Amino acid sequence: MKGGEIMANRTVRLRVDGWSNPRFGRVESNLVAFEVMWLGCACTTCFGRLAAVENRMSDSKVEWVMAQAPIPERGMVPSLILVVKPERMPEEVDTYLSDLLGLEISEIALAS
């Protein structure tokens, strides 16, 4: 990204080490969104992940909110997503989220 250039809006697919299913992320304007929990699954593991993310963010100086949003790739069933407003937009979403959340997150290619 060149100086002054705005990162294009895009959806990314993310793998979280230790989590069985990939998650979706979104870069839009000055926000980064990360799918924490698909509401189609309300198991104790998912609620534990949600609590861990919220606990990590409670100590963060980054502006953030948890929100519900439909995920087109999940048949429009809503997910709980973490939306953060970074002080500076990251070049690599996976690295940014890994550092922010203390998780090993990597971007994976979308299947065609």
Protein backbone atom coordinates (compact mmCIF):
# COMPACT_ATOMS: atom_id res chain seq x y z
CA MET A 1 0.00 0.00 0.00
CA LYS A 2 1.44 3.36 -1.00
CA GLY A 3 1.34 6.40 1.28
CA GLY A 4 -2.10 7.98 1.34
CA GLU A 5 -3.70 5.07 -0.54
CA ILE A 6 -6.83 3.66 1.10
CA MET A 7 -7.03 -0.12 1.43
CA ALA A 8 -9.81 -1.50 -0.76
CA ASN A 9 -12.84 -2.94 0.99
CA ARG A 10 -12.56 -6.70 1.00
CA THR A 11 -13.73 -9.86 2.68
CA VAL A 12 -11.13 -12.33 3.90
CA ARG A 13 -11.32 -15.89 5.11
CA LEU A 14 -9.33 -16.57 8.25
CA ARG A 15 -8.07 -19.70 9.98
CA VAL A 16 -7.66 -19.53 13.75
CA ASP A 17 -5.25 -22.08 15.19
CA GLY A 18 -7.22 -24.45 17.42
CA TRP A 19 -10.63 -23.46 16.02
CA SER A 20 -12.24 -26.07 13.79
CA ASN A 21 -14.01 -23.78 11.31
CA PRO A 22 -12.67 -20.84 9.31
CA ARG A 23 -13.97 -17.38 10.12
CA PHE A 24 -14.71 -14.42 7.92
CA GLY A 25 -13.21 -10.99 8.24
CA ARG A 26 -13.97 -7.73 6.54
CA VAL A 27 -11.88 -4.65 5.91
CA GLU A 28 -14.06 -1.65 5.19
CA SER A 29 -13.20 2.02 5.28
CA ASN A 30 -11.49 2.49 8.66
CA LEU A 31 -12.86 -0.68 10.30
CA VAL A 32 -11.77 -4.30 10.62
CA ALA A 33 -14.40 -6.94 11.40
CA PHE A 34 -13.77 -10.49 12.63
CA GLU A 35 -16.39 -13.24 12.89
CA VAL A 36 -16.12 -14.62 16.42
CA MET A 37 -19.20 -16.83 16.65
CA TRP A 38 -21.75 -18.08 14.15
CA LEU A 39 -25.17 -17.86 15.80
CA GLY A 40 -26.21 -21.08 14.03
CA CYS A 41 -24.01 -22.82 16.61
CA ALA A 42 -24.50 -21.92 20.23
CA CYS A 43 -22.24 -24.50 21.86
CA THR A 44 -20.21 -23.90 25.01
CA THR A 45 -16.98 -23.87 22.99
CA CYS A 46 -18.20 -20.95 20.87
CA PHE A 47 -19.41 -19.04 23.94
CA GLY A 48 -16.01 -19.64 25.54
CA ARG A 49 -14.29 -18.17 22.47
CA LEU A 50 -16.61 -15.17 22.60
CA ALA A 51 -15.79 -14.61 26.28
CA ALA A 52 -12.05 -14.91 25.59
CA VAL A 53 -12.23 -12.32 22.78
CA GLU A 54 -14.29 -9.93 24.89
CA ASN A 55 -11.89 -10.33 27.83
CA ARG A 56 -8.90 -9.63 25.60
CA MET A 57 -10.60 -6.55 24.11
CA SER A 58 -11.57 -5.20 27.54
CA ASP A 59 -7.86 -4.46 28.11
CA SER A 60 -7.38 -2.94 24.65
CA LYS A 61 -7.10 0.76 23.90
CA VAL A 62 -8.61 0.16 20.44
CA GLU A 63 -12.21 1.26 19.86
CA TRP A 64 -14.34 -1.86 19.46
CA VAL A 65 -17.86 -3.24 19.58
CA MET A 66 -19.50 -6.64 19.26
CA ALA A 67 -22.30 -6.69 16.70
CA GLN A 68 -24.57 -9.14 14.92
CA ALA A 69 -24.26 -9.30 11.16
CA PRO A 70 -25.54 -11.70 8.52
CA ILE A 71 -22.76 -13.56 6.73
CA PRO A 72 -23.67 -14.24 3.08
CA GLU A 73 -21.34 -17.24 2.97
CA ARG A 74 -23.26 -18.76 5.90
CA GLY A 75 -26.69 -18.49 4.30
CA MET A 76 -27.32 -15.09 5.91
CA VAL A 77 -27.55 -16.62 9.41
CA PRO A 78 -26.08 -13.89 11.62
CA SER A 79 -22.76 -14.14 13.40
CA LEU A 80 -21.36 -12.18 16.30
CA ILE A 81 -18.55 -10.10 14.94
CA LEU A 82 -15.88 -8.01 16.57
CA VAL A 83 -15.60 -4.63 14.87
CA VAL A 84 -12.48 -2.61 15.65
CA LYS A 85 -11.31 0.80 14.57
CA PRO A 86 -7.52 0.58 14.36
CA GLU A 87 -5.51 3.73 14.95
CA ARG A 88 -3.85 2.90 11.63
CA MET A 89 -5.23 0.46 9.08
CA PRO A 90 -3.08 -2.67 8.98
CA GLU A 91 -1.51 -3.98 5.81
CA GLU A 92 -2.13 -7.57 6.93
CA VAL A 93 -5.44 -8.28 8.63
CA ASP A 94 -4.39 -11.68 9.97
CA THR A 95 -1.25 -10.33 11.66
CA TYR A 96 -3.17 -7.39 13.13
CA LEU A 97 -5.91 -9.63 14.57
CA SER A 98 -3.36 -12.15 15.86
CA ASP A 99 -1.55 -9.43 17.80
CA LEU A 100 -4.79 -7.83 19.01
CA LEU A 101 -6.47 -11.03 20.17
CA GLY A 102 -3.48 -13.15 21.18
CA LEU A 103 -4.51 -15.86 18.70
CA GLU A 104 -2.69 -17.45 15.78
CA ILE A 105 -4.75 -16.21 12.83
CA SER A 106 -3.83 -16.65 9.18
CA GLU A 107 -5.55 -15.57 6.00
CA ILE A 108 -6.52 -18.43 3.72
CA ALA A 109 -7.56 -18.34 0.09
CA LEU A 110 -11.26 -18.50 -0.69
CA ALA A 111 -12.29 -21.59 -2.58
CA SER A 112 -13.38 -20.83 -6.12
